[in-house]
Amino acid sequence: MTNSQEIDFFKIGVLSKKAEVSKRTIRYYEELELLTPSKVSEGGFRLYTKNDLQRLMVIKGFKELGFSLDQIKELLHPQPDKNKKEKLEYSKQILKSQLEATNEQIEKLKKLRQRSQTALEMLAECQSCSKDSCPPQCPNRKAFL
């Protein structure tokens, strides 16, 4: 094998730093069969390649998008008894479901932002009020007092 064909292996600590995840996270992903080291050294060290790093980054990306580890496992290891078209359709359904959940969260956050903005405006009105105490007819009275 020539130098240009050699595979660069690195230990779990290097993988951890490159992917910006803890070693414990990597081990946990291995327990869940989301990630497998490319090689184990004679001394028992897990050895990883750039492909393993890429897979870990995919897992990390799905996590950041809100996917559960079970969903990620389904996306990365679709049902083996299915053909390619069925596997792709299954993955597509998981992604669509996550997109719908994300859109629902966005709508909830938009409503929360609007309520917070309204509350800030009401507080600004109260701050500019010249009265020492809030009169009973004040529309902001119930909201804050």
Protein backbone atom coordinates (compact mmCIF):
# COMPACT_ATOMS: atom_id res chain seq x y z
CA MET A 1 0.00 0.00 0.00
CA THR A 2 1.39 3.43 -0.92
CA ASN A 3 1.25 6.47 1.31
CA SER A 4 -1.52 8.00 -0.82
CA GLN A 5 -3.69 4.94 -0.17
CA GLU A 6 -3.13 4.76 3.58
CA ILE A 7 -6.09 5.50 5.78
CA ASP A 8 -5.58 7.99 8.58
CA PHE A 9 -6.96 6.68 11.85
CA PHE A 10 -7.47 8.75 14.96
CA LYS A 11 -8.54 7.97 18.51
CA ILE A 12 -11.76 8.92 20.24
CA GLY A 13 -10.25 12.07 21.78
CA VAL A 14 -9.36 13.47 18.38
CA LEU A 15 -12.79 12.56 17.00
CA SER A 16 -14.37 14.23 20.01
CA LYS A 17 -12.48 17.47 19.40
CA LYS A 18 -13.08 17.50 15.66
CA ALA A 19 -16.82 16.93 16.06
CA GLU A 20 -17.12 19.08 19.20
CA VAL A 21 -18.92 16.36 21.16
CA SER A 22 -17.86 14.55 24.31
CA LYS A 23 -16.16 11.17 24.31
CA ARG A 24 -19.09 9.92 26.36
CA THR A 25 -21.48 11.00 23.61
CA ILE A 26 -19.45 9.07 21.04
CA ARG A 27 -19.49 5.96 23.24
CA TYR A 28 -23.22 6.35 23.75
CA TYR A 29 -23.80 6.59 20.00
CA GLU A 30 -21.77 3.40 19.65
CA GLU A 31 -23.98 1.68 22.25
CA LEU A 32 -27.02 2.72 20.20
CA GLU A 33 -25.31 1.46 17.01
CA LEU A 34 -25.44 4.90 15.43
CA LEU A 35 -21.66 4.99 15.09
CA THR A 36 -19.05 2.24 14.88
CA PRO A 37 -15.28 2.71 14.97
CA SER A 38 -13.62 1.70 11.73
CA LYS A 39 -11.05 -0.31 13.62
CA VAL A 40 -10.07 -1.36 17.13
CA SER A 41 -6.33 -1.43 17.81
CA GLU A 42 -4.52 -4.38 19.37
CA GLY A 43 -4.52 -2.38 22.59
CA GLY A 44 -8.31 -2.00 22.43
CA PHE A 45 -8.37 1.64 21.31
CA ARG A 46 -11.24 2.69 19.08
CA LEU A 47 -9.90 4.09 15.82
CA TYR A 48 -11.89 6.32 13.52
CA THR A 49 -11.57 7.69 10.00
CA LYS A 50 -12.80 10.79 8.19
CA ASN A 51 -15.87 8.79 7.16
CA ASP A 52 -16.67 8.15 10.82
CA LEU A 53 -16.29 11.88 11.49
CA GLN A 54 -18.67 12.66 8.63
CA ARG A 55 -21.24 10.22 10.00
CA LEU A 56 -20.91 11.76 13.47
CA MET A 57 -21.45 15.21 11.98
CA VAL A 58 -24.61 13.94 10.25
CA ILE A 59 -25.88 12.58 13.58
CA LYS A 60 -25.01 15.86 15.27
CA GLY A 61 -26.80 17.79 12.52
CA PHE A 62 -29.97 15.74 12.92
CA LYS A 63 -29.82 16.28 16.70
CA GLU A 64 -29.54 20.04 16.18
CA LEU A 65 -32.63 19.87 13.96
CA GLY A 66 -34.57 18.30 16.82
CA PHE A 67 -34.58 14.66 15.77
CA SER A 68 -34.60 12.05 18.52
CA LEU A 69 -31.86 9.43 18.56
CA ASP A 70 -34.46 6.80 17.64
CA GLN A 71 -35.48 8.85 14.60
CA ILE A 72 -31.84 9.31 13.62
CA LYS A 73 -31.27 5.57 13.92
CA GLU A 74 -34.27 4.95 11.66
CA LEU A 75 -32.92 7.44 9.12
CA LEU A 76 -29.42 5.95 9.16
CA HIS A 77 -30.52 2.30 9.40
CA PRO A 78 -33.86 1.99 7.61
CA GLN A 79 -35.66 -1.31 7.84
CA PRO A 80 -33.47 -3.94 6.15
CA ASP A 81 -36.38 -5.87 4.66
CA LYS A 82 -37.41 -2.89 2.54
CA ASN A 83 -36.23 -2.09 -0.97
CA LYS A 84 -34.49 1.19 -1.80
CA LYS A 85 -37.69 2.98 -2.82
CA GLU A 86 -39.47 1.94 0.39
CA LYS A 87 -36.49 2.97 2.53
CA LEU A 88 -36.37 6.38 0.88
CA GLU A 89 -40.11 6.85 1.30
CA TYR A 90 -39.84 5.89 4.98
CA SER A 91 -37.00 8.37 5.51
CA LYS A 92 -38.99 11.01 3.66
CA GLN A 93 -41.96 10.49 6.01
CA ILE A 94 -39.72 10.87 9.09
CA LEU A 95 -38.30 14.11 7.67
CA LYS A 96 -41.77 15.43 6.80
CA SER A 97 -42.99 14.65 10.31
CA GLN A 98 -40.06 16.51 11.83
CA LEU A 99 -40.64 19.46 9.51
CA GLU A 100 -44.28 19.65 10.62
CA ALA A 101 -43.23 19.57 14.28
CA THR A 102 -40.67 22.31 13.61
CA ASN A 103 -43.27 24.47 11.88
CA GLU A 104 -45.60 24.04 14.87
CA GLN A 105 -42.81 25.12 17.21
CA ILE A 106 -42.12 28.16 15.04
CA GLU A 107 -45.79 29.19 15.22
CA LYS A 108 -45.80 28.80 19.01
CA LEU A 109 -42.63 30.89 19.25
CA LYS A 110 -44.15 33.58 17.03
CA LYS A 111 -47.17 33.78 19.35
CA LEU A 112 -44.92 33.90 22.40
CA ARG A 113 -42.88 36.69 20.81
CA GLN A 114 -46.06 38.66 20.11
CA ARG A 115 -47.33 38.23 23.69
CA SER A 116 -43.95 39.32 25.05
CA GLN A 117 -43.94 42.37 22.78
CA THR A 118 -47.45 43.28 23.92
CA ALA A 119 -46.46 42.88 27.57
CA LEU A 120 -43.44 45.15 27.04
CA GLU A 121 -45.65 47.79 25.45
CA MET A 122 -48.08 47.59 28.36
CA LEU A 123 -45.23 47.93 30.87
CA ALA A 124 -43.95 50.98 28.98
CA GLU A 125 -47.41 52.54 29.31
CA CYS A 126 -47.41 51.80 33.05
CA GLN A 127 -43.95 53.34 33.43
CA SER A 128 -45.04 56.54 31.75
CA CYS A 129 -48.23 56.76 33.85
CA SER A 130 -48.19 59.70 36.28
CA LYS A 131 -50.44 58.01 38.87
CA ASP A 132 -48.91 56.68 42.11
CA SER A 133 -51.11 53.59 41.99
CA CYS A 134 -52.92 51.87 39.18
CA PRO A 135 -56.55 53.05 38.94
CA PRO A 136 -59.27 50.35 38.77
CA GLN A 137 -60.24 51.34 35.23
CA CYS A 138 -56.69 50.84 33.85
CA PRO A 139 -56.67 48.11 31.16
CA ASN A 140 -53.19 46.98 32.26
CA ARG A 141 -54.20 46.50 35.90
CA LYS A 142 -55.26 42.84 35.59
CA ALA A 143 -52.21 41.91 33.56
CA PHE A 144 -49.60 43.07 36.05
CA LEU A 145 -51.20 43.80 39.43
